[in-house]
Amino acid sequence: MENLIPFTSIDLGKITAHRSGEIKFGEKMLTVPKDVDITQFLNDCKARFVLFGIPEDIGIRANYGRPGAASAWKSAIKSIANIQHNRFCKGSHLLVLGSLNVKEELLQAEKLDFNNVDDRKSFSILVEKIDKEVAHIIFTIVKAGKIPIIIGGGHNNAYGNIKGTALAKGKPINAVNLDAHSDFRILEGRHSGNGFSYSFDQGFLKKYFIFGLHESYTSKNVLLRLKDIEDRVRFNTYDEIAIRKTKNFEQELNQALTFIKNDFFGIEIDLDSLPNVASSAMTPSGFSIEQARQFIHHFGQHAHASYLHICEGAPDLGDDKNPQLVGKLIGYLITDFMKAKSILFE
């Protein structure tokens, strides 16, 4: 893990607001001690969950999206450190591994222009480089018997999450994705819009359920492709659940779980599916934050739920007066997942 920037106890101390009579997550979360082998520590430590950040927006840039998601890790880890450690959720169940070092790749991406065909190829090469690093780290975490919680970054990182988990489990896995978009676009070079199609094509993704597609932002070609493979890839739309009400939210949660639950699966949350959350493809209409939290609880409490990935949040694109909101939202979603999984450990 040479490209991992470890998060230290000193780092935790700097971002934890200590207060008399309270115990914060930052006082209880684990970090890998200096000069200790990371893989061995992962195997030996008692934490059930491992927090890993991917502070990049290169995949988003490669998909002609707005940059800004690189800032989510810094915002989220500060909010998580200041969550209360109590009987409902314990910071000691969480190991903060650190973040991927993508400084060099970000500098290269700054010089590229999406409108230039050659530059687009260069974008894809950078994303592929990140793919390899993410897959390796996720593989190591899952192989150690831990549950990764990944903070992106762009949704391109779904590929590395799926590949790493599949390799660790020794077989393809399933995925459920709360998203306004399918991210199942053509194999035209890696970017944030085709992480799932590449995973599917390369045999790492077995079954895939897209929850809450926005009908006005899904192309005809994608819909035709999904129809051809509906035995393995299914979806519902936000419009039929929330607008036309021809489908019921709770019933659809059960339908999606039934489709994927027989194998290990990942839970993917794209924050651009939630209204007015600062993200690369910010939307004014979508499922509520409460519904997103219910979504995580519903899938997280199943034994086969193998990781949580929260992506596309972009605090840099948000309200200057409340820059902490995206990080605080990510903190809620993470603790919802931890609580759901903890039911299985009791």
Protein backbone atom coordinates (compact mmCIF):
# COMPACT_ATOMS: atom_id res chain seq x y z
CA MET A 1 0.00 0.00 0.00
CA GLU A 2 2.76 2.40 -0.97
CA ASN A 3 0.28 4.94 -2.33
CA LEU A 4 -1.74 5.09 0.89
CA ILE A 5 -1.46 8.18 3.08
CA PRO A 6 -1.98 6.70 6.57
CA PHE A 7 -4.22 8.59 8.97
CA THR A 8 -2.49 8.87 12.34
CA SER A 9 -3.60 9.39 15.92
CA ILE A 10 -2.02 12.85 15.69
CA ASP A 11 -4.19 13.61 12.65
CA LEU A 12 -7.25 12.52 14.63
CA GLY A 13 -6.32 14.70 17.56
CA LYS A 14 -6.10 17.78 15.33
CA ILE A 15 -9.66 17.43 14.02
CA THR A 16 -11.43 16.23 17.17
CA ALA A 17 -13.14 18.91 19.23
CA HIS A 18 -12.69 17.64 22.77
CA ARG A 19 -15.41 18.62 25.20
CA SER A 20 -15.73 17.89 28.92
CA GLY A 21 -18.30 15.17 29.69
CA GLU A 22 -18.38 13.87 26.11
CA ILE A 23 -16.58 11.12 24.21
CA LYS A 24 -16.13 11.65 20.48
CA PHE A 25 -15.47 9.12 17.74
CA GLY A 26 -12.07 10.74 17.28
CA GLU A 27 -11.09 9.68 20.78
CA LYS A 28 -11.99 6.04 20.14
CA MET A 29 -11.39 5.33 16.45
CA LEU A 30 -8.35 3.20 15.68
CA THR A 31 -5.42 4.11 13.45
CA VAL A 32 -2.50 1.97 12.29
CA PRO A 33 0.48 2.66 14.56
CA LYS A 34 3.65 3.96 12.96
CA ASP A 35 6.10 1.30 11.72
CA VAL A 36 3.47 -1.45 12.05
CA ASP A 37 2.64 -3.62 9.03
CA ILE A 38 -0.74 -2.45 7.74
CA THR A 39 -1.92 -5.84 6.49
CA GLN A 40 -1.02 -7.54 9.75
CA PHE A 41 -2.73 -4.82 11.78
CA LEU A 42 -5.87 -5.18 9.67
CA ASN A 43 -5.92 -8.90 10.41
CA ASP A 44 -5.32 -8.49 14.14
CA CYS A 45 -7.33 -5.40 15.15
CA LYS A 46 -10.82 -5.69 16.61
CA ALA A 47 -12.42 -2.96 14.50
CA ARG A 48 -15.16 -4.29 12.20
CA PHE A 49 -15.11 -1.41 9.73
CA VAL A 50 -12.25 0.25 7.85
CA LEU A 51 -12.60 3.84 6.62
CA PHE A 52 -10.77 4.71 3.41
CA GLY A 53 -10.80 7.96 1.43
CA ILE A 54 -10.25 8.59 -2.28
CA PRO A 55 -9.85 12.38 -2.62
CA GLU A 56 -10.06 12.71 -6.41
CA ASP A 57 -12.37 14.04 -9.10
CA ILE A 58 -10.43 12.84 -12.14
CA GLY A 59 -13.09 10.32 -13.15
CA ILE A 60 -15.68 13.08 -12.98
CA ARG A 61 -13.54 15.39 -15.14
CA ALA A 62 -13.10 12.50 -17.61
CA ASN A 63 -16.91 12.32 -17.79
CA TYR A 64 -17.25 16.05 -18.51
CA GLY A 65 -18.48 16.68 -14.97
CA ARG A 66 -17.81 19.49 -12.51
CA PRO A 67 -14.72 18.96 -10.33
CA GLY A 68 -14.99 19.32 -6.57
CA ALA A 69 -15.46 15.80 -5.19
CA ALA A 70 -11.80 15.63 -4.18
CA SER A 71 -12.71 17.68 -1.10
CA ALA A 72 -15.24 15.22 0.37
CA TRP A 73 -12.73 13.13 2.32
CA LYS A 74 -11.34 16.08 4.29
CA SER A 75 -14.83 17.34 5.14
CA ALA A 76 -16.18 13.90 6.05
CA ILE A 77 -13.35 12.74 8.30
CA LYS A 78 -13.62 15.92 10.39
CA SER A 79 -17.36 15.39 10.86
CA ILE A 80 -16.95 11.68 11.64
CA ALA A 81 -14.30 12.43 14.28
CA ASN A 82 -16.82 14.59 16.14
CA ILE A 83 -19.72 12.13 16.23
CA GLN A 84 -20.64 11.06 19.75
CA HIS A 85 -19.31 7.67 20.85
CA ASN A 86 -22.17 6.01 22.76
CA ARG A 87 -24.23 2.84 23.06
CA PHE A 88 -25.91 3.47 19.71
CA CYS A 89 -22.67 3.56 17.73
CA LYS A 90 -19.10 3.15 18.88
CA GLY A 91 -16.05 4.83 17.35
CA SER A 92 -13.91 1.89 18.50
CA HIS A 93 -15.59 -0.26 15.80
CA LEU A 94 -13.97 1.89 13.12
CA LEU A 95 -10.36 1.86 11.90
CA VAL A 96 -9.35 4.96 9.94
CA LEU A 97 -6.92 3.58 7.38
CA GLY A 98 -6.20 6.78 5.48
CA SER A 99 -6.55 8.10 1.95
CA LEU A 100 -5.16 7.32 -1.47
CA ASN A 101 -2.31 9.56 -2.57
CA VAL A 102 -3.56 11.02 -5.85
CA LYS A 103 -1.69 14.35 -5.74
CA GLU A 104 0.37 13.61 -8.84
CA GLU A 105 -2.65 12.41 -10.82
CA LEU A 106 -4.65 15.51 -9.85
CA LEU A 107 -1.84 17.77 -11.04
CA GLN A 108 -1.76 15.93 -14.38
CA ALA A 109 -5.55 16.15 -14.71
CA GLU A 110 -5.47 19.93 -14.18
CA LYS A 111 -3.54 20.23 -17.46
CA LEU A 112 -6.00 18.16 -19.51
CA ASP A 113 -8.94 19.37 -21.58
CA PHE A 114 -11.95 17.04 -21.94
CA ASN A 115 -12.72 18.53 -25.37
CA ASN A 116 -9.37 17.27 -26.70
CA VAL A 117 -9.57 13.64 -27.90
CA ASP A 118 -5.98 12.83 -26.89
CA ASP A 119 -6.53 14.38 -23.47
CA ARG A 120 -9.59 12.19 -22.99
CA LYS A 121 -7.37 9.14 -23.46
CA SER A 122 -4.98 10.57 -20.89
CA PHE A 123 -7.89 11.05 -18.46
CA SER A 124 -8.82 7.37 -18.88
CA ILE A 125 -5.24 6.26 -18.22
CA LEU A 126 -5.20 8.24 -14.97
CA VAL A 127 -8.52 6.68 -13.91
CA GLU A 128 -7.18 3.19 -14.70
CA LYS A 129 -4.17 3.89 -12.51
CA ILE A 130 -6.46 4.85 -9.63
CA ASP A 131 -8.59 1.73 -10.33
CA LYS A 132 -5.60 -0.52 -9.67
CA GLU A 133 -4.72 1.18 -6.40
CA VAL A 134 -8.32 1.16 -5.12
CA ALA A 135 -8.83 -2.50 -6.05
CA HIS A 136 -5.64 -3.49 -4.24
CA ILE A 137 -6.54 -1.64 -1.04
CA ILE A 138 -10.14 -2.91 -1.00
CA PHE A 139 -8.90 -6.45 -1.65
CA THR A 140 -6.55 -6.18 1.35
CA ILE A 141 -9.29 -4.86 3.65
CA VAL A 142 -11.87 -7.49 2.66
CA LYS A 143 -9.32 -10.33 2.73
CA ALA A 144 -8.60 -9.37 6.35
CA GLY A 145 -12.28 -10.00 7.18
CA LYS A 146 -13.14 -6.30 7.54
CA ILE A 147 -15.90 -4.20 5.95
CA PRO A 148 -14.66 -1.24 3.91
CA ILE A 149 -16.40 2.13 4.10
CA ILE A 150 -15.17 4.18 1.16
CA ILE A 151 -15.52 7.94 0.78
CA GLY A 152 -15.02 9.22 -2.78
CA GLY A 153 -14.18 10.79 -5.03
CA GLY A 154 -16.05 10.07 -8.20
CA HIS A 155 -18.30 7.12 -8.95
CA ASN A 156 -15.53 5.73 -11.16
CA ASN A 157 -14.26 4.17 -7.92
CA ALA A 158 -17.15 1.70 -7.89
CA TYR A 159 -15.02 -0.35 -10.29
CA GLY A 160 -12.12 -0.69 -7.83
CA ASN A 161 -14.50 -1.45 -4.96
CA ILE A 162 -16.24 -4.21 -6.91
CA LYS A 163 -13.05 -5.70 -8.35
CA GLY A 164 -11.20 -5.68 -5.02
CA THR A 165 -14.13 -7.25 -3.15
CA ALA A 166 -14.70 -9.87 -5.86
CA LEU A 167 -11.05 -10.89 -5.85
CA ALA A 168 -11.03 -11.14 -2.04
CA LYS A 169 -14.24 -13.21 -2.03
CA GLY A 170 -13.00 -15.37 -4.90
CA LYS A 171 -16.06 -14.81 -7.07
CA PRO A 172 -18.11 -12.04 -8.73
CA ILE A 173 -20.25 -9.93 -6.43
CA ASN A 174 -23.51 -8.00 -6.76
CA ALA A 175 -24.18 -4.30 -6.22
CA VAL A 176 -27.08 -1.99 -5.45
CA ASN A 177 -26.73 1.67 -6.37
CA LEU A 178 -28.84 4.61 -5.19
CA ASP A 179 -28.29 6.92 -8.12
CA ALA A 180 -29.94 9.27 -10.57
CA HIS A 181 -27.77 7.71 -13.29
CA SER A 182 -26.97 4.12 -14.26
CA ASP A 183 -23.19 4.61 -14.63
CA PHE A 184 -23.52 1.76 -17.13
CA ARG A 185 -22.35 3.70 -20.15
CA ILE A 186 -20.37 2.27 -23.08
CA LEU A 187 -16.79 1.03 -22.68
CA GLU A 188 -15.18 4.14 -24.17
CA GLY A 189 -12.31 4.50 -21.71
CA ARG A 190 -12.65 4.74 -17.96
CA HIS A 191 -14.56 7.57 -16.31
CA SER A 192 -17.21 8.09 -13.61
CA GLY A 193 -20.06 7.05 -15.90
CA ASN A 194 -19.01 3.47 -16.63
CA GLY A 195 -17.62 1.88 -13.48
CA PHE A 196 -20.42 -0.69 -13.38
CA SER A 197 -20.36 -1.53 -17.10
CA TYR A 198 -16.61 -2.18 -16.94
CA SER A 199 -17.05 -4.31 -13.78
CA PHE A 200 -19.81 -6.26 -15.53
CA ASP A 201 -17.86 -6.71 -18.76
CA GLN A 202 -14.74 -7.94 -16.95
CA GLY A 203 -16.61 -10.48 -14.84
CA PHE A 204 -16.36 -8.87 -11.39
CA LEU A 205 -20.02 -7.77 -11.21
CA LYS A 206 -22.65 -10.51 -11.35
CA LYS A 207 -25.95 -8.74 -10.61
CA TYR A 208 -26.62 -5.03 -10.43
CA PHE A 209 -29.69 -3.10 -9.25
CA ILE A 210 -29.98 0.64 -9.98
CA PHE A 211 -32.36 2.27 -7.52
CA GLY A 212 -34.09 5.52 -8.48
CA LEU A 213 -32.93 6.28 -12.02
CA HIS A 214 -34.02 9.71 -13.23
CA GLU A 215 -35.91 9.06 -16.46
CA SER A 216 -35.00 12.40 -18.04
CA TYR A 217 -31.29 11.76 -17.55
CA THR A 218 -30.99 8.19 -18.82
CA SER A 219 -30.23 7.77 -22.51
CA LYS A 220 -32.19 5.57 -24.91
CA ASN A 221 -29.05 3.52 -25.61
CA VAL A 222 -28.54 2.76 -21.93
CA LEU A 223 -32.20 1.76 -21.52
CA LEU A 224 -31.95 -0.59 -24.51
CA ARG A 225 -28.76 -2.12 -23.11
CA LEU A 226 -30.36 -2.66 -19.70
CA LYS A 227 -33.38 -4.33 -21.31
CA ASP A 228 -31.09 -6.81 -23.09
CA ILE A 229 -29.49 -7.93 -19.84
CA GLU A 230 -32.42 -7.62 -17.42
CA ASP A 231 -31.74 -11.09 -16.04
CA ARG A 232 -28.61 -9.61 -14.41
CA VAL A 233 -29.20 -5.85 -14.33
CA ARG A 234 -32.46 -4.31 -13.15
CA PHE A 235 -33.66 -0.89 -12.14
CA ASN A 236 -36.54 1.24 -10.98
CA THR A 237 -36.97 4.96 -11.51
CA TYR A 238 -37.39 7.86 -9.14
CA ASP A 239 -40.29 9.07 -11.28
CA GLU A 240 -42.37 5.91 -10.92
CA ILE A 241 -41.76 5.75 -7.15
CA ALA A 242 -41.97 9.40 -6.08
CA ILE A 243 -43.88 11.17 -8.85
CA ARG A 244 -46.33 8.77 -10.50
CA LYS A 245 -46.39 6.51 -7.41
CA THR A 246 -46.91 3.37 -9.49
CA LYS A 247 -44.29 1.73 -7.29
CA ASN A 248 -43.82 1.86 -3.52
CA PHE A 249 -40.48 2.84 -1.96
CA GLU A 250 -40.49 0.16 0.75
CA GLN A 251 -41.65 -2.58 -1.63
CA GLU A 252 -38.94 -1.60 -4.09
CA LEU A 253 -36.31 -1.88 -1.34
CA ASN A 254 -37.45 -5.46 -0.81
CA GLN A 255 -37.48 -6.20 -4.55
CA ALA A 256 -33.94 -4.92 -4.95
CA LEU A 257 -32.69 -6.87 -1.94
CA THR A 258 -34.31 -10.06 -3.21
CA PHE A 259 -32.51 -9.59 -6.52
CA ILE A 260 -28.99 -9.27 -5.04
CA LYS A 261 -29.02 -10.89 -1.59
CA ASN A 262 -27.96 -14.42 -2.53
CA ASP A 263 -24.35 -13.30 -3.06
CA PHE A 264 -22.01 -10.79 -1.46
CA PHE A 265 -22.92 -7.27 -2.52
CA GLY A 266 -21.71 -3.70 -2.30
CA ILE A 267 -23.85 -0.68 -1.39
CA GLU A 268 -23.22 2.36 -3.58
CA ILE A 269 -24.57 5.82 -2.73
CA ASP A 270 -24.21 8.65 -5.23
CA LEU A 271 -24.92 11.93 -3.46
CA ASP A 272 -26.07 13.52 -6.71
CA SER A 273 -29.28 11.52 -6.30
CA LEU A 274 -30.24 13.65 -3.26
CA PRO A 275 -31.75 17.12 -3.77
CA ASN A 276 -29.60 20.18 -3.16
CA VAL A 277 -26.59 18.22 -1.90
CA ALA A 278 -23.40 19.76 -3.28
CA SER A 279 -22.15 17.30 -5.88
CA SER A 280 -20.74 17.09 -9.39
CA ALA A 281 -24.24 16.68 -10.93
CA MET A 282 -26.33 18.47 -8.30
CA THR A 283 -30.09 17.90 -8.57
CA PRO A 284 -33.10 19.89 -7.31
CA SER A 285 -35.28 16.75 -7.25
CA GLY A 286 -34.66 13.31 -5.78
CA PHE A 287 -35.08 11.01 -2.82
CA SER A 288 -34.85 12.64 0.59
CA ILE A 289 -31.89 12.24 2.91
CA GLU A 290 -34.16 10.25 5.25
CA GLN A 291 -34.93 7.84 2.39
CA ALA A 292 -31.22 7.50 1.64
CA ARG A 293 -30.61 6.63 5.29
CA GLN A 294 -33.44 4.08 5.20
CA PHE A 295 -31.89 2.64 2.03
CA ILE A 296 -28.56 2.12 3.78
CA HIS A 297 -30.20 0.58 6.83
CA HIS A 298 -32.30 -1.79 4.71
CA PHE A 299 -29.37 -3.21 2.77
CA GLY A 300 -26.73 -2.80 5.47
CA GLN A 301 -28.41 -5.16 7.92
CA HIS A 302 -28.05 -8.10 5.50
CA ALA A 303 -25.17 -10.51 6.13
CA HIS A 304 -23.96 -10.31 2.53
CA ALA A 305 -23.53 -6.50 2.56
CA SER A 306 -19.78 -6.28 2.02
CA TYR A 307 -18.94 -2.58 1.68
CA LEU A 308 -20.39 0.93 1.62
CA HIS A 309 -19.27 3.52 -0.92
CA ILE A 310 -20.40 7.16 -0.67
CA CYS A 311 -19.33 9.25 -3.63
CA GLU A 312 -19.69 12.41 -5.71
CA GLY A 313 -20.16 14.72 -2.72
CA ALA A 314 -18.39 18.02 -3.40
CA PRO A 315 -18.17 20.42 -0.44
CA ASP A 316 -16.18 22.83 -2.64
CA LEU A 317 -19.34 23.33 -4.72
CA GLY A 318 -21.57 23.94 -1.72
CA ASP A 319 -22.70 26.84 0.44
CA ASP A 320 -19.77 28.92 1.68
CA LYS A 321 -21.67 29.61 4.90
CA ASN A 322 -22.15 25.90 5.67
CA PRO A 323 -19.15 24.04 4.22
CA GLN A 324 -19.53 21.23 6.75
CA LEU A 325 -22.92 19.97 5.51
CA VAL A 326 -21.66 17.37 3.02
CA GLY A 327 -19.26 15.95 5.59
CA LYS A 328 -21.98 15.83 8.22
CA LEU A 329 -24.33 14.04 5.80
CA ILE A 330 -21.65 11.45 5.06
CA GLY A 331 -21.21 10.96 8.81
CA TYR A 332 -24.93 10.19 9.21
CA LEU A 333 -24.84 7.68 6.36
CA ILE A 334 -21.77 5.92 7.72
CA THR A 335 -23.17 5.55 11.23
CA ASP A 336 -26.47 4.27 9.77
CA PHE A 337 -24.47 1.55 8.01
CA MET A 338 -22.46 0.71 11.12
CA LYS A 339 -25.64 0.43 13.21
CA ALA A 340 -27.32 -1.77 10.60
CA LYS A 341 -24.34 -4.12 10.40
CA SER A 342 -23.90 -4.19 14.17
CA ILE A 343 -27.24 -5.97 14.47
CA LEU A 344 -25.47 -8.99 12.97
CA PHE A 345 -22.62 -8.85 15.51
CA GLU A 346 -24.84 -8.78 18.60
